[in-house]
C-alpha atoms as a PDB file:
ATOM      1  CA  MET A   1      95.785  79.006  86.823  1.00  0.00           C
ATOM      2  CA  LEU A   2      98.815  80.332  88.669  1.00  0.00           C
ATOM      3  CA  LYS A   3      97.767  83.321  90.729  1.00  0.00           C
ATOM      4  CA  PHE A   4      99.654  85.087  93.511  1.00  0.00           C
ATOM      5  CA  GLU A   5      98.462  87.888  95.672  1.00  0.00           C
ATOM      6  CA  CYS A   6     100.689  90.401  97.358  1.00  0.00           C
ATOM      7  CA  CYS A   7      99.783  92.727 100.158  1.00  0.00           C
ATOM      8  CA  PRO A   8     102.513  95.381 100.013  1.00  0.00           C
ATOM      9  CA  PHE A   9     101.763  96.764 103.465  1.00  0.00           C
ATOM     10  CA  ILE A  10     102.462  93.557 105.369  1.00  0.00           C
ATOM     11  CA  SER A  11     105.949  92.197 105.666  1.00  0.00           C
ATOM     12  CA  GLU A  12     107.830  90.638 108.527  1.00  0.00           C
ATOM     13  CA  GLU A  13     110.806  92.962 108.131  1.00  0.00           C
ATOM     14  CA  GLY A  14     108.563  95.987 107.656  1.00  0.00           C
ATOM     15  CA  SER A  15     109.662  96.641 104.076  1.00  0.00           C
ATOM     16  CA  ASP A  16     107.418  96.601 101.009  1.00  0.00           C
ATOM     17  CA  ARG A  17     110.374  95.513  98.893  1.00  0.00           C
ATOM     18  CA  VAL A  18     110.884  92.388 101.031  1.00  0.00           C
ATOM     19  CA  ALA A  19     107.222  91.381 100.631  1.00  0.00           C
ATOM     20  CA  ALA A  20     107.297  91.782  96.846  1.00  0.00           C
ATOM     21  CA  LYS A  21     110.599  89.918  96.543  1.00  0.00           C
ATOM     22  CA  SER A  22     109.187  87.044  98.586  1.00  0.00           C
ATOM     23  CA  VAL A  23     106.174  86.743  96.286  1.00  0.00           C
ATOM     24  CA  LEU A  24     108.415  86.749  93.193  1.00  0.00           C
ATOM     25  CA  GLU A  25     110.509  83.984  94.774  1.00  0.00           C
ATOM     26  CA  ASP A  26     107.318  81.993  95.442  1.00  0.00           C
ATOM     27  CA  ILE A  27     106.318  82.320  91.779  1.00  0.00           C
ATOM     28  CA  LYS A  28     109.762  81.104  90.677  1.00  0.00           C
ATOM     29  CA  LYS A  29     109.648  78.127  93.073  1.00  0.00           C
ATOM     30  CA  GLU A  30     106.217  77.132  91.772  1.00  0.00           C
ATOM     31  CA  LEU A  31     107.419  77.303  88.173  1.00  0.00           C
ATOM     32  CA  ASP A  32     110.620  75.393  89.041  1.00  0.00           C
ATOM     33  CA  SER A  33     108.453  72.409  89.919  1.00  0.00           C
ATOM     34  CA  HIS A  34     106.847  72.463  86.434  1.00  0.00           C
ATOM     35  CA  VAL A  35     109.948  72.775  84.213  1.00  0.00           C
ATOM     36  CA  GLY A  36     109.616  70.470  81.205  1.00  0.00           C
ATOM     37  CA  GLU A  37     105.831  70.336  81.418  1.00  0.00           C
ATOM     38  CA  LYS A  38     103.164  71.705  79.086  1.00  0.00           C
ATOM     39  CA  ILE A  39     101.900  75.156  80.040  1.00  0.00           C
ATOM     40  CA  ARG A  40      99.429  77.618  78.523  1.00  0.00           C
ATOM     41  CA  VAL A  41     100.340  81.314  78.543  1.00  0.00           C
ATOM     42  CA  LYS A  42      97.852  84.166  78.139  1.00  0.00           C
ATOM     43  CA  ALA A  43      99.721  87.441  77.609  1.00  0.00           C
ATOM     44  CA  ASN A  44      97.991  90.810  77.614  1.00  0.00           C
ATOM     45  CA  LYS A  45      99.512  92.721  74.696  1.00  0.00           C
ATOM     46  CA  GLY A  46      97.585  95.946  75.314  1.00  0.00           C
ATOM     47  CA  ARG A  47      94.723  97.584  73.417  1.00  0.00           C
ATOM     48  CA  LYS A  48      92.439  94.607  74.074  1.00  0.00           C
ATOM     49  CA  LYS A  49      94.875  92.174  72.442  1.00  0.00           C
ATOM     50  CA  VAL A  50      95.488  88.882  74.203  1.00  0.00           C
ATOM     51  CA  ASP A  51      98.010  86.366  72.908  1.00  0.00           C
ATOM     52  CA  GLU A  52      97.313  82.795  74.042  1.00  0.00           C
ATOM     53  CA  LYS A  53      99.912  80.117  73.339  1.00  0.00           C
ATOM     54  CA  GLU A  54     100.631  76.616  74.567  1.00  0.00           C
ATOM     55  CA  GLY A  55     104.170  75.358  74.987  1.00  0.00           C
ATOM     56  CA  ILE A  56     106.735  73.713  77.227  1.00  0.00           C
ATOM     57  CA  LEU A  57     108.161  75.504  80.256  1.00  0.00           C
ATOM     58  CA  GLU A  58     111.774  75.129  79.238  1.00  0.00           C
ATOM     59  CA  LYS A  59     113.841  76.860  81.916  1.00  0.00           C
ATOM     60  CA  THR A  60     113.650  79.257  84.829  1.00  0.00           C
ATOM     61  CA  TYR A  61     116.245  81.908  85.589  1.00  0.00           C
ATOM     62  CA  PRO A  62     116.512  84.303  88.556  1.00  0.00           C
ATOM     63  CA  HIS A  63     114.329  86.993  86.927  1.00  0.00           C
ATOM     64  CA  ILE A  64     112.690  85.363  83.883  1.00  0.00           C
ATOM     65  CA  PHE A  65     111.336  82.048  82.623  1.00  0.00           C
ATOM     66  CA  VAL A  66     111.375  80.674  79.077  1.00  0.00           C
ATOM     67  CA  VAL A  67     108.536  78.899  77.261  1.00  0.00           C
ATOM     68  CA  LYS A  68     109.237  76.943  74.053  1.00  0.00           C
ATOM     69  CA  ILE A  69     106.324  77.317  71.640  1.00  0.00           C
ATOM     70  CA  GLU A  70     105.930  75.106  68.583  1.00  0.00           C
ATOM     71  CA  GLU A  71     104.526  76.915  65.576  1.00  0.00           C
ATOM     72  CA  GLY A  72     103.610  74.619  62.761  1.00  0.00           C
ATOM     73  CA  HIS A  73     105.372  71.483  61.639  1.00  0.00           C
ATOM     74  CA  LEU A  74     109.016  72.571  61.769  1.00  0.00           C
ATOM     75  CA  ALA A  75     109.005  75.974  63.451  1.00  0.00           C
ATOM     76  CA  GLU A  76     109.522  76.652  67.122  1.00  0.00           C
ATOM     77  CA  ARG A  77     110.370  79.734  69.114  1.00  0.00           C
ATOM     78  CA  ARG A  78     111.236  80.630  72.643  1.00  0.00           C
ATOM     79  CA  VAL A  79     109.479  83.408  74.526  1.00  0.00           C
ATOM     80  CA  SER A  80     110.636  84.795  77.858  1.00  0.00           C
ATOM     81  CA  TYR A  81     108.494  86.387  80.543  1.00  0.00           C
ATOM     82  CA  SER A  82     109.358  87.920  83.894  1.00  0.00           C
ATOM     83  CA  TYR A  83     107.918  86.819  87.228  1.00  0.00           C
ATOM     84  CA  THR A  84     106.724  90.412  87.641  1.00  0.00           C
ATOM     85  CA  ASP A  85     104.498  89.888  84.575  1.00  0.00           C
ATOM     86  CA  VAL A  86     102.796  87.030  86.434  1.00  0.00           C
ATOM     87  CA  LEU A  87     102.454  89.061  89.635  1.00  0.00           C
ATOM     88  CA  THR A  88     100.893  92.044  87.828  1.00  0.00           C
ATOM     89  CA  GLU A  89      98.644  89.690  85.819  1.00  0.00           C
ATOM     90  CA  THR A  90     100.037  90.907  82.485  1.00  0.00           C
ATOM     91  CA  VAL A  91     100.721  87.211  81.898  1.00  0.00           C
ATOM     92  CA  GLU A  92      98.459  84.399  83.131  1.00  0.00           C
ATOM     93  CA  LEU A  93      99.756  80.852  83.339  1.00  0.00           C
ATOM     94  CA  ILE A  94      97.638  77.731  83.191  1.00  0.00           C
ATOM     95  CA  LEU A  95      99.645  74.891  84.677  1.00  0.00           C
ATOM     96  CA  PRO A  96      99.597  71.186  83.700  1.00  0.00           C
ATOM     97  CA  GLU A  97      97.156  69.961  86.339  1.00  0.00           C
ATOM     98  CA  THR A  98      94.478  72.290  84.948  1.00  0.00           C
ATOM     99  CA  LEU A  99      95.144  71.642  81.238  1.00  0.00           C
ATOM    100  CA  THR A 100      92.772  69.249  79.507  1.00  0.00           C
ATOM    101  CA  SER A 101      94.243  68.088  76.211  1.00  0.00           C
END
């Protein structure tokens, strides 16, 4: 599972914003190395609803990443998530090395 921790009080430049931005960049770099690979996404939808899907990490952008999810025989859709969702644990990612299928 991809998990990042951020301590907002500690940053080399003395700014909380710099520390958070660095963590978001680390998340993006980690995902960049897994583009094109199978990934499982657990998204907290609120009110005790959790949506768990498996798909292909299709592309990363500066602020979001896109997962292609196949639904049924001919249907597929693309879902985008932000790196902030990963940081706040609204979205959990299970990367290829931990998937068993």
